[in-house]
Amino acid sequence: DPEMSRFMQYVPHPYARADALGFLDFLEKGAEYPGHLELGIHARGGGPLLGMVSLEDIDREAGSAEVGYWLAREAQGRGLAREAVE
């Protein structure tokens, strides 16, 4: 979706296979960084990846984190991001 790169400068457009492989590598290494969590958003009952929600700078004592998310265009408007963040 070209709109993603408009709002998320680190997402290239067009998005090539090498970009996808780099993103998967980033997700795999994410487990190495305390205070960071990336979760996939799927429809109830499973199915393809529809988006992601991430928590960064997690501070368990303060009960806070920076939240970010994205959704594929076809998944927007269904409350999936709100539900995932909650």
C-alpha atoms as a PDB file:
ATOM      1  CA  ASP A   1       0.000   0.000   0.000  1.00  0.00           C
ATOM      2  CA  PRO A   2       1.711   3.242  -1.083  1.00  0.00           C
ATOM      3  CA  GLU A   3       0.042   5.093   1.809  1.00  0.00           C
ATOM      4  CA  MET A   4       2.145   3.104   4.287  1.00  0.00           C
ATOM      5  CA  SER A   5       5.366   4.647   3.057  1.00  0.00           C
ATOM      6  CA  ARG A   6       3.712   8.070   3.271  1.00  0.00           C
ATOM      7  CA  PHE A   7       3.173   7.703   7.024  1.00  0.00           C
ATOM      8  CA  MET A   8       5.950   5.247   7.899  1.00  0.00           C
ATOM      9  CA  GLN A   9       9.135   6.489   6.265  1.00  0.00           C
ATOM     10  CA  TYR A  10      10.997   3.252   6.973  1.00  0.00           C
ATOM     11  CA  VAL A  11       8.587   1.286   4.720  1.00  0.00           C
ATOM     12  CA  PRO A  12       9.822   1.534   1.130  1.00  0.00           C
ATOM     13  CA  HIS A  13       7.549   1.741  -1.890  1.00  0.00           C
ATOM     14  CA  PRO A  14       7.627  -0.316  -3.950  1.00  0.00           C
ATOM     15  CA  TYR A  15       8.119  -3.048  -1.359  1.00  0.00           C
ATOM     16  CA  ALA A  16      10.427  -5.738  -2.748  1.00  0.00           C
ATOM     17  CA  ARG A  17      11.141  -9.286  -1.616  1.00  0.00           C
ATOM     18  CA  ALA A  18      14.431  -8.091  -0.090  1.00  0.00           C
ATOM     19  CA  ASP A  19      12.440  -5.599   2.032  1.00  0.00           C
ATOM     20  CA  ALA A  20      10.179  -8.400   3.291  1.00  0.00           C
ATOM     21  CA  LEU A  21      13.175 -10.590   4.146  1.00  0.00           C
ATOM     22  CA  GLY A  22      14.787  -7.682   5.987  1.00  0.00           C
ATOM     23  CA  PHE A  23      11.583  -7.139   7.967  1.00  0.00           C
ATOM     24  CA  LEU A  24      11.462 -10.819   8.938  1.00  0.00           C
ATOM     25  CA  ASP A  25      15.073 -10.580  10.084  1.00  0.00           C
ATOM     26  CA  PHE A  26      14.157  -7.516  12.174  1.00  0.00           C
ATOM     27  CA  LEU A  27      11.274  -9.412  13.768  1.00  0.00           C
ATOM     28  CA  GLU A  28      13.515 -12.359  14.559  1.00  0.00           C
ATOM     29  CA  LYS A  29      16.082 -10.085  16.221  1.00  0.00           C
ATOM     30  CA  GLY A  30      13.364  -8.181  18.099  1.00  0.00           C
ATOM     31  CA  ALA A  31      13.374 -10.842  20.790  1.00  0.00           C
ATOM     32  CA  GLU A  32      16.914  -9.712  21.620  1.00  0.00           C
ATOM     33  CA  TYR A  33      15.758  -6.215  22.626  1.00  0.00           C
ATOM     34  CA  PRO A  34      14.172  -5.912  26.065  1.00  0.00           C
ATOM     35  CA  GLY A  35      11.368  -3.390  26.195  1.00  0.00           C
ATOM     36  CA  HIS A  36      10.222  -4.146  22.650  1.00  0.00           C
ATOM     37  CA  LEU A  37       7.438  -6.419  21.391  1.00  0.00           C
ATOM     38  CA  GLU A  38       5.986  -6.962  17.888  1.00  0.00           C
ATOM     39  CA  LEU A  39       2.741  -8.883  17.454  1.00  0.00           C
ATOM     40  CA  GLY A  40       0.886  -9.899  14.318  1.00  0.00           C
ATOM     41  CA  ILE A  41      -2.768  -8.954  13.804  1.00  0.00           C
ATOM     42  CA  HIS A  42      -4.963 -11.676  12.335  1.00  0.00           C
ATOM     43  CA  ALA A  43      -8.728 -12.063  12.017  1.00  0.00           C
ATOM     44  CA  ARG A  44     -10.360 -14.123  14.753  1.00  0.00           C
ATOM     45  CA  GLY A  45      -9.904 -17.765  13.884  1.00  0.00           C
ATOM     46  CA  GLY A  46      -6.598 -17.154  12.094  1.00  0.00           C
ATOM     47  CA  GLY A  47      -5.812 -16.423   8.507  1.00  0.00           C
ATOM     48  CA  PRO A  48      -3.231 -14.228   6.820  1.00  0.00           C
ATOM     49  CA  LEU A  49      -1.307 -11.440   8.500  1.00  0.00           C
ATOM     50  CA  LEU A  50      -3.465  -8.299   8.397  1.00  0.00           C
ATOM     51  CA  GLY A  51      -1.209  -5.947  10.333  1.00  0.00           C
ATOM     52  CA  MET A  52       1.090  -5.537  13.285  1.00  0.00           C
ATOM     53  CA  VAL A  53       1.043  -3.833  16.659  1.00  0.00           C
ATOM     54  CA  SER A  54       4.281  -2.953  18.384  1.00  0.00           C
ATOM     55  CA  LEU A  55       5.168  -1.891  21.891  1.00  0.00           C
ATOM     56  CA  GLU A  56       8.415  -0.014  22.410  1.00  0.00           C
ATOM     57  CA  ASP A  57      10.051   1.506  25.461  1.00  0.00           C
ATOM     58  CA  ILE A  58       8.006  -0.800  27.678  1.00  0.00           C
ATOM     59  CA  ASP A  59       8.155   0.335  31.293  1.00  0.00           C
ATOM     60  CA  ARG A  60       6.442  -2.296  33.431  1.00  0.00           C
ATOM     61  CA  GLU A  61       6.816  -0.281  36.640  1.00  0.00           C
ATOM     62  CA  ALA A  62       5.080   2.750  35.139  1.00  0.00           C
ATOM     63  CA  GLY A  63       2.654   0.576  33.147  1.00  0.00           C
ATOM     64  CA  SER A  64       3.482   2.415  29.935  1.00  0.00           C
ATOM     65  CA  ALA A  65       4.786   1.828  26.436  1.00  0.00           C
ATOM     66  CA  GLU A  66       4.873   3.529  23.061  1.00  0.00           C
ATOM     67  CA  VAL A  67       2.310   1.866  20.782  1.00  0.00           C
ATOM     68  CA  GLY A  68       2.446   1.695  17.018  1.00  0.00           C
ATOM     69  CA  TYR A  69       0.399  -0.270  14.516  1.00  0.00           C
ATOM     70  CA  TRP A  70      -0.379  -0.755  10.866  1.00  0.00           C
ATOM     71  CA  LEU A  71      -3.117  -2.577   8.982  1.00  0.00           C
ATOM     72  CA  ALA A  72      -3.440  -3.749   5.408  1.00  0.00           C
ATOM     73  CA  ARG A  73      -5.941  -1.624   3.495  1.00  0.00           C
ATOM     74  CA  GLU A  74      -8.447  -4.487   3.269  1.00  0.00           C
ATOM     75  CA  ALA A  75      -8.392  -4.906   7.063  1.00  0.00           C
ATOM     76  CA  GLN A  76      -9.055  -1.254   7.906  1.00  0.00           C
ATOM     77  CA  GLY A  77     -12.366  -0.078   9.352  1.00  0.00           C
ATOM     78  CA  ARG A  78     -13.132  -3.324  11.194  1.00  0.00           C
ATOM     79  CA  GLY A  79     -11.819  -2.386  14.650  1.00  0.00           C
ATOM     80  CA  LEU A  80      -8.895  -4.814  14.416  1.00  0.00           C
ATOM     81  CA  ALA A  81      -6.227  -2.260  15.382  1.00  0.00           C
ATOM     82  CA  ARG A  82      -8.260  -1.023  18.361  1.00  0.00           C
ATOM     83  CA  GLU A  83      -8.807  -4.584  19.548  1.00  0.00           C
ATOM     84  CA  ALA A  84      -5.129  -5.481  19.084  1.00  0.00           C
ATOM     85  CA  VAL A  85      -3.956  -2.413  21.018  1.00  0.00           C
ATOM     86  CA  GLU A  86      -6.410  -3.085  23.843  1.00  0.00           C
END
